[in-house]
N, C-alpha and C. Protein backbone atom coordinates (compact mmCIF):
# COMPACT_ATOMS: atom_id res chain seq x y z
N MET A 1 -25.85 10.22 -5.82
CA MET A 1 -26.83 9.48 -5.07
C MET A 1 -27.97 9.04 -5.99
N LYS A 2 -28.31 7.77 -5.94
CA LYS A 2 -29.40 7.26 -6.78
C LYS A 2 -30.74 7.58 -6.15
N LYS A 3 -31.71 7.82 -7.04
CA LYS A 3 -33.07 8.12 -6.62
C LYS A 3 -34.04 7.46 -7.57
N ARG A 4 -35.31 7.59 -7.23
CA ARG A 4 -36.41 7.06 -8.05
C ARG A 4 -37.41 8.18 -8.27
N LEU A 5 -37.80 8.36 -9.51
CA LEU A 5 -38.79 9.35 -9.89
C LEU A 5 -40.03 8.61 -10.37
N GLU A 6 -41.18 9.00 -9.84
CA GLU A 6 -42.45 8.49 -10.37
C GLU A 6 -43.22 9.68 -10.87
N SER A 7 -43.69 9.59 -12.09
CA SER A 7 -44.39 10.71 -12.71
C SER A 7 -45.64 10.21 -13.39
N GLY A 8 -46.62 11.07 -13.43
CA GLY A 8 -47.86 10.77 -14.12
C GLY A 8 -48.26 11.94 -14.99
N ILE A 9 -48.75 11.63 -16.15
CA ILE A 9 -49.19 12.67 -17.09
C ILE A 9 -50.54 12.25 -17.64
N SER A 10 -51.53 13.11 -17.46
CA SER A 10 -52.84 12.89 -18.07
C SER A 10 -52.93 13.83 -19.26
N ALA A 11 -53.20 13.27 -20.42
CA ALA A 11 -53.29 14.07 -21.64
C ALA A 11 -54.24 13.40 -22.61
N ARG A 12 -54.70 14.19 -23.53
CA ARG A 12 -55.53 13.63 -24.60
C ARG A 12 -54.62 13.15 -25.71
N SER A 13 -54.99 12.09 -26.34
CA SER A 13 -54.30 11.64 -27.54
C SER A 13 -52.84 11.26 -27.29
N VAL A 14 -52.61 10.31 -26.40
CA VAL A 14 -51.26 9.81 -26.14
C VAL A 14 -51.03 8.59 -27.02
N GLY A 15 -49.96 8.65 -27.80
CA GLY A 15 -49.65 7.54 -28.70
C GLY A 15 -48.26 7.00 -28.49
N PHE A 16 -47.90 6.07 -29.36
CA PHE A 16 -46.59 5.42 -29.26
C PHE A 16 -45.44 6.41 -29.43
N SER A 17 -45.63 7.44 -30.25
CA SER A 17 -44.54 8.40 -30.46
C SER A 17 -44.22 9.15 -29.16
N GLU A 18 -45.22 9.46 -28.35
CA GLU A 18 -44.97 10.13 -27.07
C GLU A 18 -44.26 9.20 -26.10
N LEU A 19 -44.67 7.94 -26.07
CA LEU A 19 -44.00 6.97 -25.20
C LEU A 19 -42.55 6.77 -25.63
N SER A 20 -42.33 6.70 -26.93
CA SER A 20 -40.97 6.54 -27.46
C SER A 20 -40.10 7.73 -27.13
N TRP A 21 -40.68 8.94 -27.20
CA TRP A 21 -39.93 10.15 -26.87
C TRP A 21 -39.41 10.09 -25.44
N VAL A 22 -40.26 9.67 -24.51
CA VAL A 22 -39.86 9.56 -23.10
C VAL A 22 -38.77 8.50 -22.96
N LYS A 23 -38.95 7.36 -23.61
CA LYS A 23 -37.97 6.26 -23.53
C LYS A 23 -36.62 6.71 -24.05
N ILE A 24 -36.59 7.38 -25.17
CA ILE A 24 -35.33 7.84 -25.76
C ILE A 24 -34.60 8.79 -24.81
N HIS A 25 -35.32 9.74 -24.24
CA HIS A 25 -34.68 10.69 -23.31
C HIS A 25 -34.15 9.97 -22.07
N ALA A 26 -34.90 9.00 -21.56
CA ALA A 26 -34.44 8.24 -20.40
C ALA A 26 -33.16 7.47 -20.74
N GLU A 27 -33.15 6.83 -21.88
CA GLU A 27 -31.98 6.05 -22.29
C GLU A 27 -30.76 6.94 -22.53
N GLU A 28 -30.97 8.12 -23.09
CA GLU A 28 -29.86 9.05 -23.31
C GLU A 28 -29.18 9.44 -21.99
N LEU A 29 -29.96 9.46 -20.92
CA LEU A 29 -29.43 9.81 -19.60
C LEU A 29 -28.98 8.58 -18.81
N GLY A 30 -29.13 7.39 -19.40
CA GLY A 30 -28.71 6.16 -18.73
C GLY A 30 -29.65 5.73 -17.61
N LEU A 31 -30.90 6.19 -17.66
CA LEU A 31 -31.86 5.84 -16.62
C LEU A 31 -32.47 4.47 -16.88
N LYS A 32 -32.92 3.85 -15.82
CA LYS A 32 -33.60 2.56 -15.92
C LYS A 32 -35.01 2.74 -15.38
N GLY A 33 -35.95 2.04 -15.99
CA GLY A 33 -37.32 2.16 -15.51
C GLY A 33 -38.31 1.70 -16.55
N VAL A 34 -39.50 2.31 -16.50
CA VAL A 34 -40.59 1.85 -17.35
C VAL A 34 -41.59 2.99 -17.57
N ILE A 35 -42.29 2.91 -18.69
CA ILE A 35 -43.38 3.82 -18.99
C ILE A 35 -44.55 2.98 -19.46
N ALA A 36 -45.75 3.38 -19.05
CA ALA A 36 -46.94 2.62 -19.45
C ALA A 36 -48.14 3.54 -19.53
N VAL A 37 -49.05 3.19 -20.41
CA VAL A 37 -50.34 3.87 -20.48
C VAL A 37 -51.27 3.13 -19.53
N GLN A 38 -51.87 3.86 -18.61
CA GLN A 38 -52.78 3.29 -17.63
C GLN A 38 -54.17 3.09 -18.24
N ASN A 39 -55.00 2.36 -17.55
CA ASN A 39 -56.36 2.08 -18.04
C ASN A 39 -57.17 3.35 -18.29
N ASP A 40 -56.88 4.41 -17.52
CA ASP A 40 -57.62 5.66 -17.69
C ASP A 40 -57.03 6.53 -18.80
N GLY A 41 -56.00 6.03 -19.50
CA GLY A 41 -55.38 6.77 -20.60
C GLY A 41 -54.22 7.64 -20.19
N SER A 42 -53.96 7.77 -18.89
CA SER A 42 -52.82 8.56 -18.43
C SER A 42 -51.53 7.76 -18.61
N ILE A 43 -50.41 8.45 -18.52
CA ILE A 43 -49.09 7.82 -18.63
C ILE A 43 -48.48 7.78 -17.24
N LYS A 44 -47.88 6.66 -16.88
CA LYS A 44 -47.11 6.57 -15.64
C LYS A 44 -45.68 6.24 -16.01
N ILE A 45 -44.76 6.96 -15.40
CA ILE A 45 -43.33 6.78 -15.65
C ILE A 45 -42.64 6.50 -14.33
N ILE A 46 -41.80 5.48 -14.30
CA ILE A 46 -40.92 5.22 -13.17
C ILE A 46 -39.51 5.18 -13.73
N ALA A 47 -38.63 5.99 -13.16
CA ALA A 47 -37.24 6.02 -13.61
C ALA A 47 -36.32 6.05 -12.41
N GLU A 48 -35.21 5.34 -12.53
CA GLU A 48 -34.20 5.31 -11.47
C GLU A 48 -32.84 5.62 -12.05
N GLY A 49 -32.03 6.31 -11.24
CA GLY A 49 -30.69 6.65 -11.66
C GLY A 49 -30.12 7.73 -10.78
N PRO A 50 -28.97 8.28 -11.17
CA PRO A 50 -28.37 9.36 -10.40
C PRO A 50 -29.32 10.56 -10.31
N GLU A 51 -29.36 11.16 -9.13
CA GLU A 51 -30.29 12.27 -8.89
C GLU A 51 -30.15 13.39 -9.91
N GLU A 52 -28.92 13.75 -10.27
CA GLU A 52 -28.72 14.85 -11.22
C GLU A 52 -29.30 14.52 -12.60
N ASP A 53 -29.22 13.25 -13.01
CA ASP A 53 -29.80 12.85 -14.29
C ASP A 53 -31.33 12.82 -14.23
N LEU A 54 -31.86 12.41 -13.09
CA LEU A 54 -33.31 12.41 -12.93
C LEU A 54 -33.88 13.83 -12.93
N ILE A 55 -33.13 14.77 -12.37
CA ILE A 55 -33.56 16.18 -12.38
C ILE A 55 -33.63 16.68 -13.82
N ILE A 56 -32.62 16.36 -14.61
CA ILE A 56 -32.63 16.74 -16.03
C ILE A 56 -33.82 16.11 -16.74
N PHE A 57 -34.07 14.83 -16.48
CA PHE A 57 -35.18 14.11 -17.07
C PHE A 57 -36.52 14.77 -16.69
N ALA A 58 -36.67 15.09 -15.42
CA ALA A 58 -37.90 15.73 -14.95
C ALA A 58 -38.10 17.08 -15.62
N GLN A 59 -37.02 17.84 -15.77
CA GLN A 59 -37.11 19.14 -16.44
C GLN A 59 -37.53 18.97 -17.89
N GLU A 60 -37.03 17.94 -18.56
CA GLU A 60 -37.42 17.67 -19.95
C GLU A 60 -38.89 17.29 -20.04
N LEU A 61 -39.34 16.47 -19.09
CA LEU A 61 -40.76 16.10 -19.08
C LEU A 61 -41.64 17.34 -18.92
N GLU A 62 -41.26 18.20 -18.00
CA GLU A 62 -42.04 19.43 -17.77
C GLU A 62 -41.98 20.35 -18.97
N LYS A 63 -40.80 20.51 -19.54
CA LYS A 63 -40.61 21.41 -20.67
C LYS A 63 -41.34 20.92 -21.91
N GLU A 64 -41.34 19.64 -22.13
CA GLU A 64 -41.89 19.07 -23.35
C GLU A 64 -43.29 18.50 -23.17
N GLU A 65 -43.87 18.68 -21.98
CA GLU A 65 -45.17 18.06 -21.76
C GLU A 65 -46.22 18.53 -22.76
N HIS A 66 -46.05 19.75 -23.30
CA HIS A 66 -47.02 20.23 -24.28
C HIS A 66 -47.03 19.36 -25.54
N SER A 67 -45.95 18.64 -25.79
CA SER A 67 -45.91 17.76 -26.96
C SER A 67 -46.80 16.53 -26.76
N LEU A 68 -47.27 16.34 -25.54
CA LEU A 68 -48.14 15.20 -25.26
C LEU A 68 -49.60 15.53 -25.55
N SER A 69 -49.85 16.63 -26.23
CA SER A 69 -51.17 16.97 -26.74
C SER A 69 -52.20 17.21 -25.63
N ARG A 70 -52.32 18.44 -25.25
CA ARG A 70 -53.33 18.88 -24.27
C ARG A 70 -53.17 18.21 -22.92
N VAL A 71 -52.09 18.50 -22.22
CA VAL A 71 -51.85 17.96 -20.90
C VAL A 71 -52.90 18.48 -19.93
N GLU A 72 -53.49 17.57 -19.17
CA GLU A 72 -54.51 17.94 -18.20
C GLU A 72 -53.98 17.86 -16.77
N ASN A 73 -52.97 17.03 -16.53
CA ASN A 73 -52.41 16.89 -15.20
C ASN A 73 -50.98 16.35 -15.33
N PHE A 74 -50.10 16.81 -14.43
CA PHE A 74 -48.71 16.39 -14.45
C PHE A 74 -48.19 16.40 -13.02
N TYR A 75 -47.53 15.32 -12.58
CA TYR A 75 -46.94 15.30 -11.25
C TYR A 75 -45.63 14.53 -11.26
N ILE A 76 -44.81 14.81 -10.25
CA ILE A 76 -43.58 14.06 -10.03
C ILE A 76 -43.46 13.78 -8.53
N ASN A 77 -43.17 12.54 -8.19
CA ASN A 77 -42.88 12.14 -6.81
C ASN A 77 -41.47 11.58 -6.77
N TRP A 78 -40.74 11.88 -5.70
CA TRP A 78 -39.39 11.36 -5.50
C TRP A 78 -39.43 10.29 -4.43
N GLU A 79 -38.74 9.17 -4.68
CA GLU A 79 -38.74 8.05 -3.74
C GLU A 79 -37.35 7.41 -3.70
N LYS A 80 -37.20 6.43 -2.82
CA LYS A 80 -35.96 5.66 -2.75
C LYS A 80 -35.96 4.65 -3.90
N PRO A 81 -34.80 4.42 -4.54
CA PRO A 81 -34.75 3.45 -5.64
C PRO A 81 -34.89 2.02 -5.13
N THR A 82 -35.43 1.16 -5.98
CA THR A 82 -35.58 -0.25 -5.63
C THR A 82 -34.58 -1.13 -6.38
N GLY A 83 -34.03 -0.61 -7.48
CA GLY A 83 -33.08 -1.39 -8.28
C GLY A 83 -33.72 -2.51 -9.08
N GLU A 84 -35.02 -2.44 -9.30
CA GLU A 84 -35.73 -3.53 -9.97
C GLU A 84 -35.63 -3.54 -11.48
N PHE A 85 -35.11 -2.47 -12.08
CA PHE A 85 -35.10 -2.36 -13.54
C PHE A 85 -33.71 -2.60 -14.12
N GLN A 86 -33.67 -3.30 -15.27
CA GLN A 86 -32.41 -3.56 -15.96
C GLN A 86 -32.18 -2.59 -17.11
N ASP A 87 -33.26 -1.98 -17.60
CA ASP A 87 -33.19 -1.03 -18.71
C ASP A 87 -34.42 -0.13 -18.63
N PHE A 88 -34.69 0.64 -19.66
CA PHE A 88 -35.89 1.47 -19.69
C PHE A 88 -36.78 0.90 -20.78
N SER A 89 -38.00 0.54 -20.41
CA SER A 89 -38.88 -0.12 -21.37
C SER A 89 -40.27 0.50 -21.41
N ILE A 90 -40.97 0.18 -22.47
CA ILE A 90 -42.37 0.57 -22.64
C ILE A 90 -43.20 -0.68 -22.40
N LEU A 91 -44.11 -0.63 -21.46
CA LEU A 91 -44.97 -1.79 -21.22
C LEU A 91 -45.96 -1.96 -22.35
N ALA A 92 -46.30 -3.19 -22.61
CA ALA A 92 -47.28 -3.50 -23.64
C ALA A 92 -48.65 -2.96 -23.23
N GLU A 93 -49.48 -2.74 -24.21
CA GLU A 93 -50.84 -2.26 -23.95
C GLU A 93 -51.53 -3.19 -22.94
N HIS A 94 -52.24 -2.60 -22.02
CA HIS A 94 -53.01 -3.29 -20.98
C HIS A 94 -52.14 -3.84 -19.86
N GLU A 95 -50.84 -3.54 -19.83
CA GLU A 95 -50.00 -3.88 -18.67
C GLU A 95 -49.88 -2.63 -17.83
N GLU A 96 -50.71 -2.51 -16.83
CA GLU A 96 -50.75 -1.29 -16.03
C GLU A 96 -49.75 -1.34 -14.89
N LEU A 97 -49.10 -0.21 -14.64
CA LEU A 97 -48.20 -0.08 -13.49
C LEU A 97 -49.03 0.24 -12.26
N VAL A 98 -48.67 -0.34 -11.17
CA VAL A 98 -49.39 -0.06 -9.91
C VAL A 98 -48.62 0.93 -9.10
């Protein structure tokens, strides 16, 4: 069954290497979606795919969140998939996800 995961991570010192790490793990699991740095410096992740793969992805995010340098907040919400993504991408700077 396909699902949609929305996650947010607030941390100090988030850079391109952290965004790339998330993208690589999502692609390894065949997930589609997007990651972006929000105006407040937090990261927002939207991923869609098979529920079992999203669970693995969520566990990796939780397990590795310490690599994001001083995590201050972390959440995951589960929703119905929209099918809007063709791949997993990193949004350009100043392109905020709503």
